[in-house]
N, C-alpha and C. Protein backbone atom coordinates (compact mmCIF):
# COMPACT_ATOMS: atom_id res chain seq x y z
N GLN A 1 89.54 94.20 51.86
CA GLN A 1 90.99 94.43 51.97
C GLN A 1 91.53 94.03 53.35
N PHE A 2 90.67 94.10 54.37
CA PHE A 2 91.10 93.78 55.73
C PHE A 2 90.13 92.77 56.35
N PRO A 3 90.04 91.57 55.79
CA PRO A 3 89.03 90.60 56.25
C PRO A 3 89.29 90.05 57.65
N TYR A 4 90.48 90.32 58.18
CA TYR A 4 90.84 89.86 59.53
C TYR A 4 90.42 90.87 60.59
N GLN A 5 90.05 92.08 60.20
CA GLN A 5 89.73 93.16 61.14
C GLN A 5 88.34 92.96 61.73
N VAL A 6 88.21 93.17 63.05
CA VAL A 6 86.90 93.16 63.70
C VAL A 6 86.72 94.41 64.54
N SER A 7 85.46 94.73 64.78
CA SER A 7 85.10 95.74 65.77
C SER A 7 84.67 95.01 67.04
N ILE A 8 85.21 95.43 68.17
CA ILE A 8 84.78 94.90 69.46
C ILE A 8 83.82 95.91 70.06
N LEU A 9 82.59 95.47 70.30
CA LEU A 9 81.56 96.35 70.82
C LEU A 9 81.32 96.06 72.30
N ALA A 10 81.23 97.12 73.09
CA ALA A 10 80.90 97.00 74.51
C ALA A 10 79.52 97.62 74.71
N LEU A 11 78.57 96.83 75.17
CA LEU A 11 77.18 97.29 75.33
C LEU A 11 76.67 97.92 74.05
N GLY A 12 77.07 97.35 72.90
CA GLY A 12 76.54 97.78 71.61
C GLY A 12 77.27 98.91 70.93
N SER A 13 78.26 99.52 71.59
CA SER A 13 79.01 100.63 70.99
C SER A 13 80.42 100.20 70.65
N HIS A 14 80.95 100.72 69.52
CA HIS A 14 82.32 100.38 69.15
C HIS A 14 83.26 100.80 70.28
N HIS A 15 84.12 99.88 70.67
CA HIS A 15 85.01 100.09 71.81
C HIS A 15 86.47 99.99 71.39
N CYS A 16 86.81 98.94 70.66
CA CYS A 16 88.19 98.69 70.24
C CYS A 16 88.18 97.86 68.96
N GLY A 17 89.35 97.71 68.37
CA GLY A 17 89.50 96.82 67.24
C GLY A 17 90.14 95.51 67.67
N GLY A 18 90.24 94.59 66.72
CA GLY A 18 90.88 93.31 66.98
C GLY A 18 91.15 92.60 65.67
N ALA A 19 91.84 91.47 65.76
CA ALA A 19 92.20 90.69 64.57
C ALA A 19 91.81 89.23 64.77
N ILE A 20 91.28 88.63 63.72
CA ILE A 20 90.88 87.22 63.74
C ILE A 20 92.10 86.33 63.55
N ILE A 21 92.35 85.40 64.48
CA ILE A 21 93.46 84.45 64.27
C ILE A 21 92.96 83.01 64.11
N SER A 22 91.67 82.78 64.37
CA SER A 22 91.05 81.46 64.15
C SER A 22 89.54 81.67 64.16
N PRO A 23 88.75 80.66 63.81
CA PRO A 23 87.29 80.85 63.83
C PRO A 23 86.74 81.26 65.19
N TYR A 24 87.44 80.89 66.26
CA TYR A 24 86.95 81.18 67.61
C TYR A 24 87.71 82.28 68.35
N TYR A 25 88.85 82.76 67.82
CA TYR A 25 89.69 83.65 68.62
C TYR A 25 90.04 84.96 67.94
N ILE A 26 90.00 86.03 68.76
CA ILE A 26 90.33 87.39 68.36
C ILE A 26 91.48 87.87 69.23
N VAL A 27 92.47 88.54 68.62
CA VAL A 27 93.55 89.19 69.37
C VAL A 27 93.22 90.68 69.47
N THR A 28 93.40 91.25 70.66
CA THR A 28 93.18 92.68 70.86
C THR A 28 94.15 93.18 71.93
N ALA A 29 93.97 94.42 72.36
CA ALA A 29 94.80 94.98 73.44
C ALA A 29 94.17 94.65 74.79
N ALA A 30 95.00 94.32 75.77
CA ALA A 30 94.47 93.97 77.09
C ALA A 30 93.73 95.14 77.73
N HIS A 31 94.22 96.37 77.53
CA HIS A 31 93.57 97.50 78.21
C HIS A 31 92.14 97.72 77.72
N CYS A 32 91.80 97.13 76.56
CA CYS A 32 90.42 97.21 76.05
C CYS A 32 89.46 96.35 76.86
N VAL A 33 89.97 95.32 77.49
CA VAL A 33 89.08 94.31 78.09
C VAL A 33 89.43 94.00 79.54
N VAL A 34 90.18 94.91 80.17
CA VAL A 34 90.56 94.74 81.58
C VAL A 34 90.07 95.96 82.35
N ASP A 35 89.53 95.72 83.52
CA ASP A 35 89.01 96.79 84.36
C ASP A 35 90.16 97.48 85.10
N GLY A 36 90.80 98.39 84.41
CA GLY A 36 91.80 99.29 84.96
C GLY A 36 92.79 98.69 85.94
N PHE A 37 92.92 99.36 87.08
CA PHE A 37 93.97 99.07 88.05
C PHE A 37 93.87 97.65 88.60
N TYR A 38 92.67 97.10 88.67
CA TYR A 38 92.48 95.80 89.32
C TYR A 38 92.81 94.62 88.42
N LYS A 39 93.11 94.90 87.15
CA LYS A 39 93.50 93.85 86.20
C LYS A 39 92.42 92.76 86.09
N LYS A 40 91.19 93.14 86.36
CA LYS A 40 90.09 92.18 86.31
C LYS A 40 89.46 92.21 84.91
N PRO A 41 89.33 91.05 84.24
CA PRO A 41 88.72 91.05 82.91
C PRO A 41 87.29 91.58 82.93
N VAL A 42 86.94 92.34 81.92
CA VAL A 42 85.57 92.81 81.73
C VAL A 42 84.67 91.58 81.55
N PRO A 43 83.46 91.56 82.12
CA PRO A 43 82.57 90.41 81.89
C PRO A 43 82.34 90.17 80.40
N ALA A 44 82.53 88.93 79.99
CA ALA A 44 82.44 88.60 78.56
C ALA A 44 81.07 88.91 77.98
N ASN A 45 80.02 88.82 78.82
CA ASN A 45 78.67 89.02 78.28
C ASN A 45 78.37 90.47 77.91
N LEU A 46 79.30 91.38 78.21
CA LEU A 46 79.13 92.78 77.80
C LEU A 46 79.69 93.03 76.40
N LEU A 47 80.39 92.04 75.84
CA LEU A 47 81.12 92.24 74.59
C LEU A 47 80.56 91.43 73.43
N ASN A 48 80.61 92.03 72.26
CA ASN A 48 80.32 91.35 71.00
C ASN A 48 81.42 91.68 70.01
N VAL A 49 81.53 90.88 68.98
CA VAL A 49 82.50 91.13 67.91
C VAL A 49 81.74 91.17 66.58
N ARG A 50 82.03 92.20 65.77
CA ARG A 50 81.47 92.27 64.43
C ARG A 50 82.59 92.07 63.42
N ALA A 51 82.41 91.11 62.53
CA ALA A 51 83.40 90.79 61.50
C ALA A 51 82.77 90.90 60.13
N GLY A 52 83.60 91.21 59.12
CA GLY A 52 83.13 91.17 57.74
C GLY A 52 82.35 92.37 57.28
N SER A 53 82.50 93.52 57.97
CA SER A 53 81.78 94.73 57.58
C SER A 53 82.71 95.94 57.66
N LEU A 54 82.51 96.91 56.77
CA LEU A 54 83.26 98.16 56.84
C LEU A 54 82.70 99.08 57.92
N SER A 55 81.49 98.76 58.40
CA SER A 55 80.85 99.52 59.47
C SER A 55 80.95 98.74 60.77
N ALA A 56 81.18 99.47 61.86
CA ALA A 56 81.22 98.81 63.18
C ALA A 56 79.81 98.49 63.68
N TYR A 57 78.79 99.05 63.02
CA TYR A 57 77.44 98.99 63.58
C TYR A 57 76.43 98.20 62.76
N GLU A 58 76.79 97.78 61.56
CA GLU A 58 75.82 97.00 60.78
C GLU A 58 76.55 96.10 59.79
N GLY A 59 75.84 95.05 59.38
CA GLY A 59 76.38 94.13 58.39
C GLY A 59 77.33 93.11 58.99
N GLY A 60 77.79 92.21 58.15
CA GLY A 60 78.74 91.20 58.58
C GLY A 60 78.16 90.21 59.58
N GLN A 61 79.03 89.68 60.43
CA GLN A 61 78.63 88.69 61.43
C GLN A 61 78.84 89.27 62.83
N LEU A 62 77.81 89.21 63.65
CA LEU A 62 77.88 89.70 65.03
C LEU A 62 77.80 88.50 65.97
N ILE A 63 78.85 88.32 66.78
CA ILE A 63 78.96 87.13 67.62
C ILE A 63 79.30 87.52 69.05
N ASN A 64 78.70 86.80 70.01
CA ASN A 64 78.97 87.05 71.43
C ASN A 64 80.36 86.56 71.82
N VAL A 65 80.93 87.25 72.80
CA VAL A 65 82.19 86.81 73.41
C VAL A 65 81.86 85.98 74.64
N THR A 66 82.55 84.85 74.81
CA THR A 66 82.29 84.00 75.97
C THR A 66 83.44 83.95 76.97
N LYS A 67 84.63 84.37 76.53
CA LYS A 67 85.78 84.33 77.45
C LYS A 67 86.75 85.46 77.12
N VAL A 68 87.24 86.13 78.15
CA VAL A 68 88.23 87.20 78.01
C VAL A 68 89.52 86.74 78.65
N LYS A 69 90.61 86.72 77.87
CA LYS A 69 91.89 86.21 78.37
C LYS A 69 92.99 87.26 78.20
N PRO A 70 93.16 88.17 79.17
CA PRO A 70 94.28 89.10 79.08
C PRO A 70 95.60 88.40 79.37
N ASN A 71 96.68 88.88 78.79
CA ASN A 71 97.99 88.32 79.09
C ASN A 71 98.25 88.44 80.59
N PRO A 72 98.71 87.37 81.26
CA PRO A 72 98.88 87.41 82.72
C PRO A 72 99.94 88.40 83.18
N SER A 73 100.84 88.81 82.28
CA SER A 73 101.87 89.79 82.64
C SER A 73 101.43 91.23 82.38
N TYR A 74 100.18 91.41 81.94
CA TYR A 74 99.71 92.77 81.63
C TYR A 74 99.70 93.65 82.86
N TRP A 75 100.23 94.83 82.68
CA TRP A 75 100.11 95.93 83.63
C TRP A 75 100.05 97.17 82.76
N PRO A 76 99.20 98.16 83.07
CA PRO A 76 98.93 99.20 82.09
C PRO A 76 100.03 99.46 81.06
N TYR A 77 99.72 98.99 79.86
CA TYR A 77 100.50 99.15 78.62
C TYR A 77 101.75 98.27 78.54
N GLN A 78 102.07 97.51 79.59
CA GLN A 78 103.10 96.48 79.45
C GLN A 78 102.40 95.17 79.08
N HIS A 79 102.94 94.47 78.09
CA HIS A 79 102.33 93.22 77.62
C HIS A 79 100.83 93.42 77.37
N ASP A 80 100.53 94.49 76.64
CA ASP A 80 99.15 94.93 76.43
C ASP A 80 98.49 94.13 75.30
N ILE A 81 98.16 92.89 75.61
CA ILE A 81 97.60 92.00 74.60
C ILE A 81 96.63 91.02 75.27
N ALA A 82 95.58 90.65 74.55
CA ALA A 82 94.56 89.77 75.11
C ALA A 82 93.91 88.95 74.00
N LEU A 83 93.26 87.88 74.41
CA LEU A 83 92.48 87.03 73.50
C LEU A 83 91.01 87.07 73.91
N LEU A 84 90.14 87.06 72.91
CA LEU A 84 88.71 86.90 73.15
C LEU A 84 88.27 85.61 72.51
N LYS A 85 87.53 84.78 73.26
CA LYS A 85 86.96 83.57 72.68
C LYS A 85 85.50 83.83 72.33
N LEU A 86 85.11 83.41 71.14
CA LEU A 86 83.76 83.63 70.66
C LEU A 86 82.83 82.47 71.01
N GLY A 87 81.55 82.78 71.14
CA GLY A 87 80.57 81.77 71.50
C GLY A 87 80.25 80.80 70.38
N GLU A 88 80.48 81.21 69.16
CA GLU A 88 80.31 80.33 68.00
C GLU A 88 81.35 80.70 66.96
N PRO A 89 81.70 79.78 66.07
CA PRO A 89 82.78 80.08 65.13
C PRO A 89 82.35 81.08 64.06
N LEU A 90 83.29 81.93 63.67
CA LEU A 90 83.06 82.80 62.52
C LEU A 90 82.96 81.95 61.26
N GLU A 91 82.11 82.35 60.35
CA GLU A 91 82.01 81.69 59.05
C GLU A 91 82.93 82.42 58.08
N PHE A 92 84.02 81.76 57.70
CA PHE A 92 84.99 82.41 56.83
C PHE A 92 84.45 82.53 55.40
N ASN A 93 84.71 83.69 54.79
CA ASN A 93 84.34 83.96 53.41
C ASN A 93 85.29 85.03 52.88
N ASP A 94 84.98 85.66 51.77
CA ASP A 94 85.87 86.68 51.20
C ASP A 94 86.08 87.86 52.14
N ASN A 95 85.10 88.14 53.00
CA ASN A 95 85.17 89.30 53.89
C ASN A 95 85.57 88.96 55.32
N VAL A 96 85.66 87.68 55.63
CA VAL A 96 86.01 87.23 56.99
C VAL A 96 87.06 86.14 56.89
N LYS A 97 88.28 86.46 57.31
CA LYS A 97 89.38 85.50 57.23
C LYS A 97 90.31 85.69 58.42
N ALA A 98 90.99 84.61 58.79
CA ALA A 98 92.01 84.70 59.84
C ALA A 98 93.31 85.22 59.22
N ILE A 99 94.14 85.80 60.08
CA ILE A 99 95.47 86.23 59.65
C ILE A 99 96.51 85.47 60.47
N GLU A 100 97.61 85.14 59.84
CA GLU A 100 98.69 84.43 60.52
C GLU A 100 99.43 85.35 61.48
N ILE A 101 99.90 84.76 62.57
CA ILE A 101 100.73 85.49 63.54
C ILE A 101 102.16 85.54 63.02
N ALA A 102 102.75 86.72 63.00
CA ALA A 102 104.15 86.86 62.58
C ALA A 102 105.07 86.25 63.62
N THR A 103 106.22 85.79 63.18
CA THR A 103 107.20 85.21 64.11
C THR A 103 108.31 86.19 64.46
N GLU A 104 108.41 87.30 63.72
CA GLU A 104 109.43 88.31 63.99
C GLU A 104 108.82 89.70 63.86
N ASP A 105 109.33 90.64 64.65
CA ASP A 105 108.89 92.03 64.53
C ASP A 105 109.31 92.59 63.17
N PRO A 106 108.60 93.58 62.64
CA PRO A 106 109.01 94.18 61.37
C PRO A 106 110.35 94.88 61.52
N PRO A 107 111.23 94.80 60.52
CA PRO A 107 112.52 95.47 60.62
C PRO A 107 112.36 96.99 60.60
N ALA A 108 113.32 97.71 61.14
CA ALA A 108 113.28 99.17 61.11
C ALA A 108 113.14 99.65 59.67
N GLY A 109 112.22 100.57 59.46
CA GLY A 109 112.00 101.11 58.13
C GLY A 109 110.93 100.39 57.34
N ALA A 110 110.47 99.24 57.83
CA ALA A 110 109.44 98.48 57.11
C ALA A 110 108.12 99.26 57.10
N GLU A 111 107.40 99.16 55.98
CA GLU A 111 106.09 99.79 55.88
C GLU A 111 105.01 98.80 56.30
N VAL A 112 104.22 99.22 57.27
CA VAL A 112 103.23 98.37 57.93
C VAL A 112 101.84 98.99 57.73
N SER A 113 100.83 98.17 57.44
CA SER A 113 99.47 98.71 57.31
C SER A 113 98.75 98.62 58.65
N THR A 114 98.03 99.68 58.99
CA THR A 114 97.20 99.70 60.20
C THR A 114 95.78 100.06 59.79
N SER A 115 94.81 99.57 60.54
CA SER A 115 93.40 99.82 60.20
C SER A 115 92.58 99.93 61.47
N GLY A 116 91.43 100.60 61.37
CA GLY A 116 90.57 100.73 62.54
C GLY A 116 89.47 101.75 62.34
N TRP A 117 88.61 101.86 63.37
CA TRP A 117 87.49 102.80 63.36
C TRP A 117 87.72 103.96 64.33
N GLY A 118 88.95 104.20 64.72
CA GLY A 118 89.23 105.24 65.70
C GLY A 118 88.98 106.64 65.17
N ARG A 119 89.09 107.61 66.07
CA ARG A 119 88.90 109.02 65.70
C ARG A 119 89.84 109.40 64.55
N VAL A 120 89.33 110.23 63.66
CA VAL A 120 90.15 110.66 62.52
C VAL A 120 91.06 111.82 62.91
N SER A 121 90.80 112.45 64.06
CA SER A 121 91.66 113.52 64.57
C SER A 121 91.45 113.62 66.07
N GLU A 122 92.39 114.25 66.76
CA GLU A 122 92.29 114.42 68.21
C GLU A 122 90.98 115.12 68.57
N GLY A 123 90.18 114.47 69.41
CA GLY A 123 88.91 115.06 69.84
C GLY A 123 87.79 114.93 68.83
N GLY A 124 88.06 114.30 67.68
CA GLY A 124 87.04 114.17 66.63
C GLY A 124 86.12 112.99 66.86
N GLU A 125 85.28 112.73 65.88
CA GLU A 125 84.33 111.62 65.93
C GLU A 125 85.01 110.32 65.49
N LEU A 126 84.45 109.20 65.93
CA LEU A 126 84.91 107.91 65.43
C LEU A 126 84.64 107.81 63.94
N ALA A 127 85.51 107.12 63.22
CA ALA A 127 85.32 106.95 61.78
C ALA A 127 84.06 106.11 61.53
N PRO A 128 83.17 106.55 60.63
CA PRO A 128 81.95 105.77 60.36
C PRO A 128 82.24 104.47 59.62
N PHE A 129 83.32 104.45 58.86
CA PHE A 129 83.70 103.25 58.12
C PHE A 129 85.18 102.95 58.38
N LEU A 130 85.55 101.70 58.21
CA LEU A 130 86.92 101.27 58.46
C LEU A 130 87.89 102.11 57.63
N LYS A 131 88.94 102.60 58.29
CA LYS A 131 89.97 103.37 57.59
C LYS A 131 91.31 102.67 57.77
N PHE A 132 92.28 103.06 56.94
CA PHE A 132 93.61 102.46 57.11
C PHE A 132 94.68 103.50 56.83
N ASN A 133 95.86 103.24 57.39
CA ASN A 133 97.04 104.08 57.19
C ASN A 133 98.24 103.18 56.94
N MET A 134 99.27 103.75 56.37
CA MET A 134 100.56 103.08 56.30
C MET A 134 101.47 103.73 57.33
N ALA A 135 102.24 102.91 58.01
CA ALA A 135 103.15 103.40 59.04
C ALA A 135 104.52 102.76 58.84
N LYS A 136 105.53 103.42 59.39
CA LYS A 136 106.90 102.90 59.28
C LYS A 136 107.35 102.40 60.64
N ALA A 137 107.95 101.21 60.66
CA ALA A 137 108.48 100.65 61.91
C ALA A 137 109.76 101.38 62.30
N LEU A 138 109.86 101.76 63.56
CA LEU A 138 111.07 102.41 64.06
C LEU A 138 111.93 101.40 64.80
N GLY A 139 113.24 101.54 64.69
CA GLY A 139 114.14 100.70 65.46
C GLY A 139 114.05 101.06 66.93
N GLU A 140 114.58 100.19 67.79
CA GLU A 140 114.45 100.39 69.24
C GLU A 140 115.06 101.71 69.70
N GLU A 141 116.24 102.06 69.17
CA GLU A 141 116.91 103.29 69.61
C GLU A 141 116.08 104.53 69.26
N LYS A 142 115.57 104.57 68.02
CA LYS A 142 114.76 105.72 67.59
C LYS A 142 113.45 105.77 68.37
N CYS A 143 112.91 104.61 68.67
CA CYS A 143 111.69 104.52 69.46
C CYS A 143 111.90 105.13 70.84
N ARG A 144 113.00 104.79 71.48
CA ARG A 144 113.28 105.30 72.83
C ARG A 144 113.53 106.80 72.83
N LYS A 145 114.09 107.31 71.75
CA LYS A 145 114.33 108.76 71.65
C LYS A 145 113.03 109.52 71.41
N SER A 146 112.06 108.86 70.79
CA SER A 146 110.82 109.53 70.40
C SER A 146 109.78 109.57 71.51
N LEU A 147 109.78 108.55 72.37
CA LEU A 147 108.74 108.44 73.40
C LEU A 147 109.35 108.50 74.79
N THR A 148 108.58 109.01 75.74
CA THR A 148 109.05 109.12 77.12
C THR A 148 109.21 107.76 77.77
N TYR A 149 108.31 106.86 77.43
CA TYR A 149 108.25 105.56 78.10
C TYR A 149 107.91 104.48 77.09
N ILE A 150 108.71 103.43 77.07
CA ILE A 150 108.44 102.29 76.19
C ILE A 150 108.09 101.09 77.07
N PRO A 151 106.84 100.68 77.08
CA PRO A 151 106.46 99.52 77.90
C PRO A 151 107.11 98.24 77.40
N ARG A 152 107.20 97.26 78.28
CA ARG A 152 107.71 95.95 77.86
C ARG A 152 106.76 95.34 76.83
N GLY A 153 107.35 94.73 75.83
CA GLY A 153 106.55 94.07 74.80
C GLY A 153 106.00 95.01 73.75
N ALA A 154 106.51 96.27 73.69
CA ALA A 154 105.98 97.24 72.74
C ALA A 154 106.96 97.53 71.61
N ILE A 155 106.41 97.95 70.46
CA ILE A 155 107.21 98.46 69.35
C ILE A 155 106.60 99.80 68.92
N CYS A 156 107.36 100.58 68.14
CA CYS A 156 106.89 101.89 67.69
C CYS A 156 106.63 101.89 66.19
N LEU A 157 105.53 102.51 65.80
CA LEU A 157 105.22 102.75 64.39
C LEU A 157 104.90 104.23 64.22
N HIS A 158 105.31 104.79 63.08
CA HIS A 158 105.06 106.21 62.82
C HIS A 158 104.36 106.36 61.48
N GLY A 159 103.25 107.11 61.47
CA GLY A 159 102.48 107.30 60.24
C GLY A 159 103.32 107.89 59.12
N ILE A 160 103.11 107.40 57.91
CA ILE A 160 103.83 107.88 56.73
C ILE A 160 103.05 109.03 56.09
N ASN A 161 103.78 110.01 55.56
CA ASN A 161 103.16 111.16 54.86
C ASN A 161 102.16 111.89 55.74
N ASN A 162 102.59 112.15 56.98
CA ASN A 162 101.76 112.90 57.93
C ASN A 162 100.43 112.22 58.25
N ALA A 163 100.37 110.91 58.07
CA ALA A 163 99.17 110.17 58.46
C ALA A 163 98.94 110.36 59.96
N THR A 164 97.69 110.41 60.36
CA THR A 164 97.34 110.70 61.75
C THR A 164 97.88 109.64 62.71
N GLY A 165 97.96 108.40 62.27
CA GLY A 165 98.32 107.33 63.18
C GLY A 165 97.10 106.89 63.97
N ILE A 166 97.32 106.17 65.06
CA ILE A 166 96.18 105.65 65.83
C ILE A 166 95.61 106.73 66.73
N CYS A 167 94.35 106.57 67.09
CA CYS A 167 93.67 107.52 67.97
C CYS A 167 92.63 106.74 68.77
N LYS A 168 91.90 107.43 69.62
CA LYS A 168 90.91 106.77 70.48
C LYS A 168 89.93 105.96 69.62
N GLY A 169 89.74 104.70 69.99
CA GLY A 169 88.88 103.80 69.21
C GLY A 169 89.66 102.83 68.35
N ASP A 170 90.97 103.11 68.16
CA ASP A 170 91.82 102.22 67.37
C ASP A 170 92.50 101.15 68.22
N SER A 171 92.49 101.30 69.54
CA SER A 171 93.18 100.35 70.42
C SER A 171 92.80 98.92 70.07
N GLY A 172 93.80 98.03 70.08
CA GLY A 172 93.57 96.62 69.78
C GLY A 172 93.56 96.29 68.31
N SER A 173 93.52 97.32 67.45
CA SER A 173 93.45 97.08 66.01
C SER A 173 94.79 96.58 65.47
N PRO A 174 94.73 95.86 64.34
CA PRO A 174 95.93 95.17 63.84
C PRO A 174 96.90 96.05 63.06
N ALA A 175 98.18 95.68 63.16
CA ALA A 175 99.24 96.18 62.28
C ALA A 175 99.78 94.97 61.53
N VAL A 176 99.90 95.09 60.22
CA VAL A 176 100.20 93.93 59.37
C VAL A 176 101.40 94.22 58.47
N TYR A 177 102.31 93.26 58.41
CA TYR A 177 103.50 93.36 57.55
C TYR A 177 103.68 92.01 56.86
N ASN A 178 103.86 92.03 55.55
CA ASN A 178 104.00 90.78 54.78
C ASN A 178 102.84 89.82 55.03
N ASN A 179 101.64 90.39 55.11
CA ASN A 179 100.41 89.59 55.30
C ASN A 179 100.37 88.80 56.60
N ARG A 180 101.12 89.28 57.59
CA ARG A 180 101.09 88.64 58.91
C ARG A 180 100.86 89.69 59.99
N LEU A 181 100.20 89.26 61.05
CA LEU A 181 99.90 90.17 62.17
C LEU A 181 101.16 90.39 62.99
N VAL A 182 101.65 91.64 63.01
CA VAL A 182 102.89 91.93 63.74
C VAL A 182 102.64 92.66 65.06
N ALA A 183 101.48 93.33 65.19
CA ALA A 183 101.26 94.11 66.41
C ALA A 183 99.79 94.49 66.53
N VAL A 184 99.41 94.91 67.76
CA VAL A 184 98.09 95.49 67.98
C VAL A 184 98.27 96.87 68.61
N ALA A 185 97.39 97.80 68.23
CA ALA A 185 97.50 99.19 68.68
C ALA A 185 97.33 99.27 70.20
N SER A 186 98.24 100.02 70.84
CA SER A 186 98.25 100.07 72.30
C SER A 186 98.08 101.48 72.88
N PHE A 187 98.95 102.43 72.51
CA PHE A 187 98.89 103.74 73.17
C PHE A 187 99.47 104.85 72.29
N VAL A 188 99.09 106.08 72.62
CA VAL A 188 99.71 107.27 72.03
C VAL A 188 100.20 108.15 73.17
N GLU A 189 101.27 108.90 72.91
CA GLU A 189 101.72 109.92 73.85
C GLU A 189 101.27 111.27 73.33
N ASP A 190 100.82 112.15 74.20
CA ASP A 190 100.31 113.46 73.80
C ASP A 190 99.09 113.30 72.90
N ALA A 191 98.89 114.22 71.97
CA ALA A 191 97.74 114.16 71.07
C ALA A 191 97.99 113.14 69.96
N CYS A 192 96.90 112.65 69.38
CA CYS A 192 97.01 111.67 68.29
C CYS A 192 97.83 112.25 67.14
N GLY A 193 98.78 111.46 66.66
CA GLY A 193 99.55 111.83 65.49
C GLY A 193 100.75 112.71 65.73
N VAL A 194 100.96 113.15 66.99
CA VAL A 194 102.09 114.04 67.27
C VAL A 194 103.40 113.26 67.34
N LYS A 195 103.37 112.12 67.99
CA LYS A 195 104.57 111.28 68.16
C LYS A 195 104.31 109.90 67.56
N PRO A 196 105.36 109.07 67.45
CA PRO A 196 105.13 107.68 67.03
C PRO A 196 104.15 106.99 67.97
N ASP A 197 103.48 105.98 67.46
CA ASP A 197 102.47 105.25 68.23
C ASP A 197 103.06 103.99 68.84
N GLY A 198 102.54 103.62 70.01
CA GLY A 198 102.96 102.40 70.68
C GLY A 198 102.05 101.24 70.30
N PHE A 199 102.66 100.16 69.85
CA PHE A 199 101.93 98.93 69.50
C PHE A 199 102.51 97.77 70.30
N THR A 200 101.69 96.81 70.65
CA THR A 200 102.17 95.61 71.33
C THR A 200 102.65 94.60 70.30
N SER A 201 103.87 94.11 70.49
CA SER A 201 104.45 93.13 69.56
C SER A 201 103.71 91.80 69.65
N VAL A 202 103.23 91.32 68.51
CA VAL A 202 102.61 89.99 68.46
C VAL A 202 103.67 88.88 68.48
N PRO A 203 104.77 89.00 67.70
CA PRO A 203 105.82 87.97 67.79
C PRO A 203 106.37 87.81 69.21
N GLY A 204 106.42 88.92 69.96
CA GLY A 204 106.92 88.86 71.33
C GLY A 204 106.01 88.08 72.27
N HIS A 205 104.79 87.80 71.83
CA HIS A 205 103.82 87.07 72.66
C HIS A 205 103.27 85.86 71.93
N LYS A 206 103.95 85.42 70.88
CA LYS A 206 103.39 84.36 70.02
C LYS A 206 103.19 83.04 70.76
N GLY A 207 104.10 82.70 71.68
CA GLY A 207 103.96 81.46 72.43
C GLY A 207 102.70 81.47 73.28
N TRP A 208 102.48 82.59 73.98
CA TRP A 208 101.29 82.71 74.83
C TRP A 208 100.02 82.69 73.97
N LEU A 209 100.05 83.40 72.84
CA LEU A 209 98.87 83.43 71.96
C LEU A 209 98.52 82.04 71.46
N ARG A 210 99.51 81.30 71.01
CA ARG A 210 99.24 79.96 70.47
C ARG A 210 98.75 79.01 71.55
N GLU A 211 99.36 79.08 72.72
CA GLU A 211 99.00 78.17 73.81
C GLU A 211 97.57 78.43 74.30
N ASN A 212 97.15 79.69 74.25
CA ASN A 212 95.86 80.06 74.82
C ASN A 212 94.73 80.18 73.81
N SER A 213 95.00 79.80 72.56
CA SER A 213 93.94 79.83 71.55
C SER A 213 93.71 78.44 70.97
N LYS A 214 94.02 77.41 71.76
CA LYS A 214 93.87 76.03 71.30
C LYS A 214 92.47 75.47 71.52
N ASP A 215 91.83 75.87 72.63
CA ASP A 215 90.54 75.25 72.98
C ASP A 215 89.40 75.79 72.13
């Protein structure tokens, strides 16, 4: 159901999610792959990507990362988006496919699918298998009323039917509308599921993504 979803592993442990946009490139959140305050990319040799499996720890295709490319405008949670280049191309099949980049943000009220291996509740364990939720896109005004701080390049999504929303381990995971990648999971305010979630807009960074995923 989510053949574009990958697990990004750091030193062998699930760290963040990501989305396949080509055989060689994964989109994720910059804060997943940048060393905090110094904005220094994490060494690529510490990272692997697993694609084509419902488990973050077995099955599918496991490939080394060779290059980490955070957005140059990234500052904690502003423009929170990055690209990972893989050491060898993914082999596309029914369980491993690229997803197209959306050209526009989802309209207010649109139902968006989110997926990931993050915690199922605040302080809980990481999900053993890939899970998904439906979320509703909030307009800019409602987003600003709901959250204390809206970083540049961010949009808000709110879980439908009391869905938990994103939590630790979901960062970088995809949000999809009309079969296109519209955002990657970025941040939560307070405990998981209490307020709308912050996602980085993919359409807002589409030029940078396309330019930097050519090689």
